[in-house]
Amino acid sequence: MRRVTILGATGSIGQNTIDLIDRNRDAYQVVALTGGRNIERLARDAIRLGAEVAVTAHDDLLDDLRAALGQSGVAAAAGAEALTEAAARPADWVMSAIIGAAGLRPGLAALEQGTTLALANKETLVAAGALVMQTARSKGGTIIPVDSEHSAVFQALGGEDMASVERVILTASGGAFRDWPIEKLRSATPEQAATHPNWDMGQRITIDSASMFNKALEVIEAREFFGLAPDQIEVLIHPESMVHALVGHVDGGILAHLGAPDMRHAIGYALHWPERAPLPVERLDLAKLGQLTFRAPDMARYPALDLARQVMERGGLAGAAFNAAKERALDGFIAGHISFTDMADVVGRVLDRIEARPGHIDAPFTLDNVLQMDHLARYEADNVMAERQ
């Protein structure tokens, strides 16, 4: 029986993970489930799966969680330290699906135990890739990517020599506004941006898809995870979302990974790795599908992709600054303080301001410095947004 922990259990990735575990419950012992403000869902799943502990990220909700758990025997905890402690509990497999920089410390805590970390949190590698990969190597931990694109690359690379890899192509649906006139984007609302044409995801990641900030994060993540040079990573718009990634080799051949747009494929692959197991996902009917289309991204429509290139060129802690500024810009858009198109401008200005401060971007790569950069970039992002109002 495998001991498993799910960090971010109440979000879309966490719920899909629970769905797969629930279908074969006798094979798993749930150690910990963590979540945010959806206490009812967190408690319900913790009780049903017999978790040892349920943790909410919010200290003020501890009493609510205890009440919801009742006499179930599931322990309750709350706060950032409790999240990290839950991640550090002995487990064979840990799903890291906490959104944003908040997932960094718990993910590192899991790797410190030498566990297998199923990484759905893009920000972990973007903000602290060198630190995370070194922790995995030194502690004997294993990281399996859960982003559909990185899972696809990981699978396509099975048995291949990385020295033969010439390029990696990440696909993107283009999000809610892929066919909108560019001049209309400035007036786009958070509600419009949060409607995805293909995937069923949470509000924040769906808006990131519309702005292509999610793909910008994935480009940086691919560089960190697979050790690629920036010019080896390409992005293509693929409206059907059936081809998740392609790997091109020095002989001109390209291996593609195809699958229905269902996150349970990547989650299930990570859950059962290194083996494969039957999954409750749609089987592709290519004859019925008829065609697959691709086009190059319009950089004027998706400036986040250019920012990702700048981050990789800057190196150091630029990824941490980029991620934090992106999160605050997204907060500002959702709150109605800035427009959809302002987000990329805010992030770009933050990167410029921080780079102008000697000793910040090139500071030593430690967890404390990553977290300090995160705070600094959020502060600068708030300043930039305030100046625009």
Protein backbone atom coordinates (compact mmCIF):
# COMPACT_ATOMS: atom_id res chain seq x y z
CA MET A 1 0.00 0.00 0.00
CA ARG A 2 1.45 3.37 -1.05
CA ARG A 3 1.39 6.28 1.36
CA VAL A 4 0.33 9.44 -0.48
CA THR A 5 -0.09 13.12 0.37
CA ILE A 6 -1.97 15.70 -1.70
CA LEU A 7 -0.91 19.32 -1.30
CA GLY A 8 -3.63 21.51 -2.76
CA ALA A 9 -6.30 18.84 -2.51
CA THR A 10 -9.28 21.17 -2.98
CA GLY A 11 -8.18 22.60 -6.34
CA SER A 12 -8.77 21.10 -9.77
CA ILE A 13 -5.51 19.10 -9.83
CA GLY A 14 -6.07 17.89 -6.28
CA GLN A 15 -9.64 16.84 -7.02
CA ASN A 16 -8.59 14.92 -10.12
CA THR A 17 -5.89 13.21 -8.07
CA ILE A 18 -8.45 12.24 -5.45
CA ASP A 19 -10.72 10.90 -8.21
CA LEU A 20 -8.00 8.49 -9.34
CA ILE A 21 -7.10 7.41 -5.82
CA ASP A 22 -10.76 6.94 -4.94
CA ARG A 23 -11.15 4.47 -7.82
CA ASN A 24 -8.54 2.15 -6.28
CA ARG A 25 -8.68 3.17 -2.64
CA ASP A 26 -7.34 -0.13 -1.27
CA ALA A 27 -3.99 0.59 -2.95
CA TYR A 28 -3.39 3.85 -1.08
CA GLN A 29 -3.06 5.15 2.44
CA VAL A 30 -3.66 8.91 2.52
CA VAL A 31 -1.25 10.68 4.85
CA ALA A 32 -2.28 14.32 4.47
CA LEU A 33 -4.62 16.52 2.50
CA THR A 34 -4.13 20.29 2.40
CA GLY A 35 -6.34 23.04 1.04
CA GLY A 36 -7.37 26.66 1.28
CA ARG A 37 -10.74 28.12 2.20
CA ASN A 38 -12.96 25.32 0.94
CA ILE A 39 -13.18 23.69 4.37
CA GLU A 40 -16.25 21.61 3.57
CA ARG A 41 -14.54 19.94 0.62
CA LEU A 42 -11.26 19.44 2.49
CA ALA A 43 -12.96 17.84 5.48
CA ARG A 44 -15.25 15.69 3.34
CA ASP A 45 -12.38 14.23 1.35
CA ALA A 46 -10.15 13.77 4.39
CA ILE A 47 -12.86 11.80 6.18
CA ARG A 48 -13.80 9.73 3.13
CA LEU A 49 -10.18 8.81 2.36
CA GLY A 50 -9.19 8.29 5.99
CA ALA A 51 -6.40 10.86 5.95
CA GLU A 52 -4.16 11.16 8.99
CA VAL A 53 -4.31 14.96 8.92
CA ALA A 54 -6.14 17.74 7.07
CA VAL A 55 -4.50 21.17 6.84
CA THR A 56 -5.89 24.51 5.75
CA ALA A 57 -3.47 27.24 4.73
CA HIS A 58 -5.48 29.81 6.70
CA ASP A 59 -4.97 30.04 10.47
CA ASP A 60 -8.34 31.70 10.97
CA LEU A 61 -10.14 28.61 9.65
CA LEU A 62 -8.69 26.07 12.06
CA ASP A 63 -11.78 25.98 14.28
CA ASP A 64 -14.01 25.57 11.21
CA LEU A 65 -11.88 22.66 10.02
CA ARG A 66 -11.97 20.98 13.42
CA ALA A 67 -15.73 21.32 13.52
CA ALA A 68 -16.10 19.92 10.00
CA LEU A 69 -13.90 16.93 10.84
CA GLY A 70 -15.91 16.26 14.00
CA GLN A 71 -15.19 12.89 15.60
CA SER A 72 -13.70 11.37 12.45
CA GLY A 73 -10.26 10.88 13.95
CA VAL A 74 -8.62 13.04 11.28
CA ALA A 75 -6.27 15.56 12.88
CA ALA A 76 -6.63 19.23 11.94
CA ALA A 77 -3.95 21.89 11.47
CA ALA A 78 -3.66 25.32 9.89
CA GLY A 79 -1.11 27.81 8.61
CA ALA A 80 2.03 27.88 6.49
CA GLU A 81 4.14 25.91 8.96
CA ALA A 82 1.47 23.23 9.20
CA LEU A 83 1.51 22.89 5.40
CA THR A 84 5.26 22.32 5.46
CA GLU A 85 4.97 19.84 8.31
CA ALA A 86 2.29 17.92 6.40
CA ALA A 87 4.54 17.77 3.33
CA ALA A 88 7.42 16.46 5.47
CA ARG A 89 5.42 13.51 6.81
CA PRO A 90 6.76 10.17 5.52
CA ALA A 91 5.06 9.35 2.23
CA ASP A 92 5.92 7.43 -0.91
CA TRP A 93 4.31 9.94 -3.26
CA VAL A 94 3.37 13.59 -2.83
CA MET A 95 1.25 15.67 -5.19
CA SER A 96 2.41 19.30 -5.17
CA ALA A 97 -0.58 21.28 -6.46
CA ILE A 98 -0.57 24.37 -4.23
CA ILE A 99 -0.90 27.35 -6.55
CA GLY A 100 1.81 29.99 -6.60
CA ALA A 101 4.97 30.56 -4.57
CA ALA A 102 3.17 29.18 -1.49
CA GLY A 103 3.90 25.71 -2.85
CA LEU A 104 7.68 26.13 -2.82
CA ARG A 105 8.50 25.42 0.82
CA PRO A 106 6.15 22.40 1.14
CA GLY A 107 7.51 20.95 -2.10
CA LEU A 108 11.07 21.26 -0.83
CA ALA A 109 10.04 19.69 2.48
CA ALA A 110 8.70 16.66 0.63
CA LEU A 111 11.88 16.30 -1.43
CA GLU A 112 13.96 16.51 1.74
CA GLN A 113 12.39 13.16 2.69
CA GLY A 114 13.58 11.56 -0.56
CA THR A 115 10.05 11.01 -1.79
CA THR A 116 8.56 11.06 -5.29
CA LEU A 117 7.14 14.53 -5.91
CA ALA A 118 4.45 14.87 -8.56
CA LEU A 119 4.96 18.50 -9.48
CA ALA A 120 1.91 20.41 -10.69
CA ASN A 121 3.11 23.69 -9.23
CA LYS A 122 4.85 25.55 -12.06
CA GLU A 123 6.14 28.24 -9.76
CA THR A 124 8.38 25.87 -7.79
CA LEU A 125 10.80 25.38 -10.68
CA VAL A 126 10.36 28.88 -12.09
CA ALA A 127 11.25 30.59 -8.81
CA ALA A 128 13.80 28.12 -7.46
CA GLY A 129 14.62 25.57 -10.14
CA ALA A 130 18.31 25.17 -9.30
CA LEU A 131 17.55 24.77 -5.60
CA VAL A 132 14.71 22.29 -6.16
CA MET A 133 16.61 20.08 -8.59
CA GLN A 134 19.69 20.05 -6.33
CA THR A 135 17.54 19.08 -3.34
CA ALA A 136 16.04 16.19 -5.29
CA ARG A 137 19.48 14.95 -6.34
CA SER A 138 21.08 15.27 -2.91
CA LYS A 139 18.20 13.66 -1.00
CA GLY A 140 17.41 10.89 -3.47
CA GLY A 141 14.02 12.36 -4.36
CA THR A 142 12.33 12.05 -7.72
CA ILE A 143 10.33 14.74 -9.49
CA ILE A 144 7.67 13.74 -12.01
CA PRO A 145 6.11 16.63 -13.94
CA VAL A 146 2.32 16.91 -13.91
CA ASP A 147 1.79 19.86 -16.23
CA SER A 148 0.32 18.22 -19.33
CA GLU A 149 3.10 19.66 -21.51
CA HIS A 150 6.00 18.64 -19.29
CA SER A 151 4.47 15.24 -18.66
CA ALA A 152 4.26 14.84 -22.43
CA VAL A 153 7.94 15.77 -22.86
CA PHE A 154 8.90 13.44 -20.00
CA GLN A 155 7.03 10.57 -21.65
CA ALA A 156 8.35 11.31 -25.14
CA LEU A 157 11.89 11.29 -23.77
CA GLY A 158 11.53 7.82 -22.28
CA GLY A 159 14.64 5.83 -23.21
CA GLU A 160 16.11 8.68 -25.24
CA ASP A 161 19.54 10.24 -24.82
CA MET A 162 19.17 13.94 -23.97
CA ALA A 163 22.25 14.60 -26.10
CA SER A 164 20.16 13.75 -29.17
CA VAL A 165 17.44 16.27 -28.34
CA GLU A 166 17.53 19.26 -30.66
CA ARG A 167 14.37 21.06 -29.56
CA VAL A 168 11.25 20.75 -27.44
CA ILE A 169 7.95 22.21 -28.62
CA LEU A 170 5.32 23.08 -26.01
CA THR A 171 1.80 23.54 -27.33
CA ALA A 172 -0.72 26.09 -26.12
CA SER A 173 -4.44 26.34 -26.76
CA GLY A 174 -4.18 30.12 -26.99
CA GLY A 175 -6.75 30.55 -24.24
CA ALA A 176 -10.03 32.40 -24.24
CA PHE A 177 -8.84 35.28 -26.44
CA ARG A 178 -6.82 33.48 -29.12
CA ASP A 179 -9.16 34.74 -31.86
CA TRP A 180 -10.06 38.14 -30.40
CA PRO A 181 -8.89 41.29 -32.18
CA ILE A 182 -5.82 42.56 -30.31
CA GLU A 183 -7.37 45.99 -29.86
CA LYS A 184 -10.23 44.39 -27.92
CA LEU A 185 -7.99 42.71 -25.33
CA ARG A 186 -7.60 45.77 -23.15
CA SER A 187 -11.32 45.70 -22.34
CA ALA A 188 -11.41 41.97 -21.50
CA THR A 189 -12.90 41.14 -18.10
CA PRO A 190 -11.72 38.54 -15.57
CA GLU A 191 -14.93 36.60 -16.19
CA GLN A 192 -14.23 36.42 -19.91
CA ALA A 193 -10.59 35.45 -19.35
CA ALA A 194 -11.58 32.67 -16.94
CA THR A 195 -13.52 30.73 -19.59
CA HIS A 196 -11.25 28.18 -21.26
CA PRO A 197 -12.18 26.67 -24.63
CA ASN A 198 -10.72 23.22 -23.90
CA TRP A 199 -9.62 22.63 -20.31
CA ASP A 200 -11.52 22.62 -17.03
CA MET A 201 -9.24 24.54 -14.67
CA GLY A 202 -9.40 27.05 -11.83
CA GLN A 203 -9.85 30.79 -12.31
CA ARG A 204 -6.24 31.87 -11.93
CA ILE A 205 -4.63 29.30 -14.21
CA THR A 206 -7.35 29.83 -16.82
CA ILE A 207 -6.65 33.57 -16.88
CA ASP A 208 -2.94 32.76 -17.10
CA SER A 209 -3.79 30.66 -20.14
CA ALA A 210 -5.56 33.58 -21.80
CA SER A 211 -2.56 35.86 -21.21
CA MET A 212 -0.11 33.04 -22.00
CA PHE A 213 1.64 33.65 -18.70
CA ASN A 214 1.10 29.97 -17.96
CA LYS A 215 3.06 29.08 -21.08
CA ALA A 216 5.77 31.58 -20.15
CA LEU A 217 6.11 29.80 -16.80
CA GLU A 218 6.21 26.45 -18.59
CA VAL A 219 8.99 27.58 -20.91
CA ILE A 220 11.14 28.50 -17.91
CA GLU A 221 10.10 25.31 -16.13
CA ALA A 222 11.10 23.18 -19.14
CA ARG A 223 14.52 24.75 -19.14
CA GLU A 224 15.01 23.95 -15.45
CA PHE A 225 13.55 20.46 -15.47
CA PHE A 226 15.11 19.10 -18.66
CA GLY A 227 18.33 21.14 -18.67
CA LEU A 228 17.57 22.72 -22.04
CA ALA A 229 19.05 25.86 -23.52
CA PRO A 230 16.51 28.67 -24.00
CA ASP A 231 16.76 28.47 -27.79
CA GLN A 232 15.84 24.78 -27.69
CA ILE A 233 12.34 25.54 -26.37
CA GLU A 234 9.58 26.56 -28.77
CA VAL A 235 5.89 27.32 -28.38
CA LEU A 236 3.12 26.61 -30.89
CA ILE A 237 -0.57 27.50 -30.75
CA HIS A 238 -2.56 24.30 -31.10
CA PRO A 239 -6.29 25.05 -30.69
CA GLU A 240 -7.38 21.40 -30.40
CA SER A 241 -5.18 20.71 -27.32
CA MET A 242 -4.62 17.11 -28.42
CA VAL A 243 -0.85 17.28 -28.99
CA HIS A 244 0.63 18.32 -25.66
CA ALA A 245 4.30 18.52 -26.62
CA LEU A 246 6.78 17.40 -29.24
CA VAL A 247 10.44 16.44 -28.97
CA GLY A 248 12.67 16.97 -31.99
CA HIS A 249 15.94 15.06 -32.39
CA VAL A 250 19.16 15.77 -34.23
CA ASP A 251 18.19 13.35 -37.01
CA GLY A 252 15.17 15.48 -37.86
CA GLY A 253 12.61 13.12 -36.32
CA ILE A 254 9.91 14.45 -33.99
CA LEU A 255 8.15 12.43 -31.30
CA ALA A 256 4.75 13.78 -30.26
CA HIS A 257 2.59 12.98 -27.26
CA LEU A 258 -1.16 13.08 -27.93
CA GLY A 259 -4.08 12.71 -25.57
CA ALA A 260 -7.49 14.11 -24.77
CA PRO A 261 -7.42 17.36 -22.73
CA ASP A 262 -7.91 15.63 -19.37
CA MET A 263 -5.48 16.30 -16.52
CA ARG A 264 -6.06 12.81 -15.16
CA HIS A 265 -3.73 11.50 -17.84
CA ALA A 266 -0.67 13.40 -16.59
CA ILE A 267 -1.70 12.89 -12.95
CA GLY A 268 -2.26 9.18 -13.49
CA TYR A 269 1.04 8.78 -15.28
CA ALA A 270 2.84 10.41 -12.33
CA LEU A 271 0.84 8.38 -9.81
CA HIS A 272 1.76 5.03 -11.38
CA TRP A 273 5.23 5.84 -12.72
CA PRO A 274 7.40 4.01 -13.70
CA GLU A 275 4.57 1.74 -14.77
CA ARG A 276 1.44 2.57 -16.75
CA ALA A 277 -2.05 1.75 -15.56
CA PRO A 278 -5.53 1.99 -17.13
CA LEU A 279 -7.01 5.48 -16.73
CA PRO A 280 -10.62 6.71 -17.08
CA VAL A 281 -9.79 9.16 -19.88
CA GLU A 282 -11.18 9.53 -23.38
CA ARG A 283 -9.46 7.56 -26.13
CA LEU A 284 -8.68 9.66 -29.19
CA ASP A 285 -10.48 8.91 -32.43
CA LEU A 286 -8.13 10.53 -34.92
CA ALA A 287 -10.35 9.79 -37.89
CA LYS A 288 -13.23 11.56 -36.18
CA LEU A 289 -10.99 14.44 -35.16
CA GLY A 290 -9.99 14.85 -38.78
CA GLN A 291 -7.20 17.40 -38.44
CA LEU A 292 -4.72 19.00 -36.06
CA THR A 293 -3.75 22.63 -36.58
CA PHE A 294 -0.75 24.64 -35.43
CA ARG A 295 0.39 28.21 -35.76
CA ALA A 296 3.16 30.39 -34.38
CA PRO A 297 2.15 32.60 -31.46
CA ASP A 298 1.67 36.30 -32.15
CA MET A 299 4.17 37.93 -29.80
CA ALA A 300 2.20 41.19 -29.82
CA ARG A 301 -0.80 39.27 -28.47
CA TYR A 302 1.28 37.26 -25.97
CA PRO A 303 4.08 39.51 -24.59
CA ALA A 304 4.46 37.13 -21.62
CA LEU A 305 6.42 34.78 -23.88
CA ASP A 306 9.01 37.45 -24.60
CA LEU A 307 9.27 38.17 -20.88
CA ALA A 308 10.05 34.49 -20.29
CA ARG A 309 12.96 34.76 -22.74
CA GLN A 310 14.24 37.80 -20.89
CA VAL A 311 14.03 35.95 -17.57
CA MET A 312 16.10 33.05 -18.92
CA GLU A 313 18.68 35.48 -20.31
CA ARG A 314 18.92 37.29 -16.97
CA GLY A 315 19.25 34.07 -14.99
CA GLY A 316 19.79 34.03 -11.23
CA LEU A 317 16.73 34.99 -9.22
CA ALA A 318 14.94 36.56 -12.19
CA GLY A 319 12.51 33.62 -12.24
CA ALA A 320 11.47 34.30 -8.65
CA ALA A 321 10.91 37.98 -9.48
CA PHE A 322 8.96 37.10 -12.62
CA ASN A 323 6.67 34.67 -10.84
CA ALA A 324 5.93 36.98 -7.92
CA ALA A 325 5.26 39.98 -10.14
CA LYS A 326 2.99 37.85 -12.32
CA GLU A 327 0.98 36.72 -9.31
CA ARG A 328 0.47 40.28 -8.08
CA ALA A 329 -0.41 41.53 -11.56
CA LEU A 330 -2.99 38.76 -11.82
CA ASP A 331 -4.39 39.80 -8.43
CA GLY A 332 -4.64 43.36 -9.74
CA PHE A 333 -6.48 42.29 -12.87
CA ILE A 334 -8.95 40.11 -10.97
CA ALA A 335 -9.60 42.98 -8.54
CA GLY A 336 -10.21 45.38 -11.42
CA HIS A 337 -7.21 47.61 -10.67
CA ILE A 338 -5.46 47.05 -14.01
CA SER A 339 -6.52 45.88 -17.44
CA PHE A 340 -5.82 42.50 -19.03
CA THR A 341 -3.07 43.95 -21.21
CA ASP A 342 -1.52 45.83 -18.28
CA MET A 343 -0.38 42.60 -16.64
CA ALA A 344 2.60 42.01 -18.93
CA ASP A 345 3.62 45.66 -18.68
CA VAL A 346 3.57 45.50 -14.87
CA VAL A 347 5.76 42.38 -14.85
CA GLY A 348 8.20 43.87 -17.33
CA ARG A 349 8.58 47.06 -15.29
CA VAL A 350 9.18 45.06 -12.11
CA LEU A 351 11.94 43.04 -13.77
CA ASP A 352 13.59 46.23 -15.02
CA ARG A 353 13.45 47.87 -11.59
CA ILE A 354 14.90 44.89 -9.78
CA GLU A 355 17.65 44.36 -12.34
CA ALA A 356 18.65 47.98 -11.84
CA ARG A 357 19.43 47.17 -8.20
CA PRO A 358 22.91 45.60 -7.98
CA GLY A 359 23.16 42.36 -6.05
CA HIS A 360 19.53 41.31 -6.27
CA ILE A 361 19.08 39.21 -9.42
CA ASP A 362 22.53 37.66 -9.00
CA ALA A 363 22.27 36.98 -5.25
CA PRO A 364 23.23 33.44 -4.10
CA PHE A 365 20.55 30.82 -4.83
CA THR A 366 19.24 30.04 -1.35
CA LEU A 367 15.68 29.56 -0.13
CA ASP A 368 15.88 32.72 1.96
CA ASN A 369 17.02 34.75 -1.05
CA VAL A 370 14.29 33.28 -3.23
CA LEU A 371 11.67 34.23 -0.66
CA GLN A 372 13.17 37.71 -0.23
CA MET A 373 13.07 38.21 -3.99
CA ASP A 374 9.46 37.05 -3.97
CA HIS A 375 8.58 39.72 -1.38
CA LEU A 376 10.54 42.42 -3.19
CA ALA A 377 8.91 41.71 -6.54
CA ARG A 378 5.43 41.75 -5.01
CA TYR A 379 6.23 45.08 -3.36
CA GLU A 380 7.46 46.55 -6.63
CA ALA A 381 4.45 45.19 -8.52
CA ASP A 382 2.12 46.89 -6.06
CA ASN A 383 4.06 50.12 -6.55
CA VAL A 384 3.84 49.89 -10.33
CA MET A 385 0.11 49.22 -10.21
CA ALA A 386 -0.45 52.08 -7.77
CA GLU A 387 1.38 54.44 -10.11
CA ARG A 388 -0.98 53.48 -12.95
CA GLN A 389 -4.13 54.41 -11.03
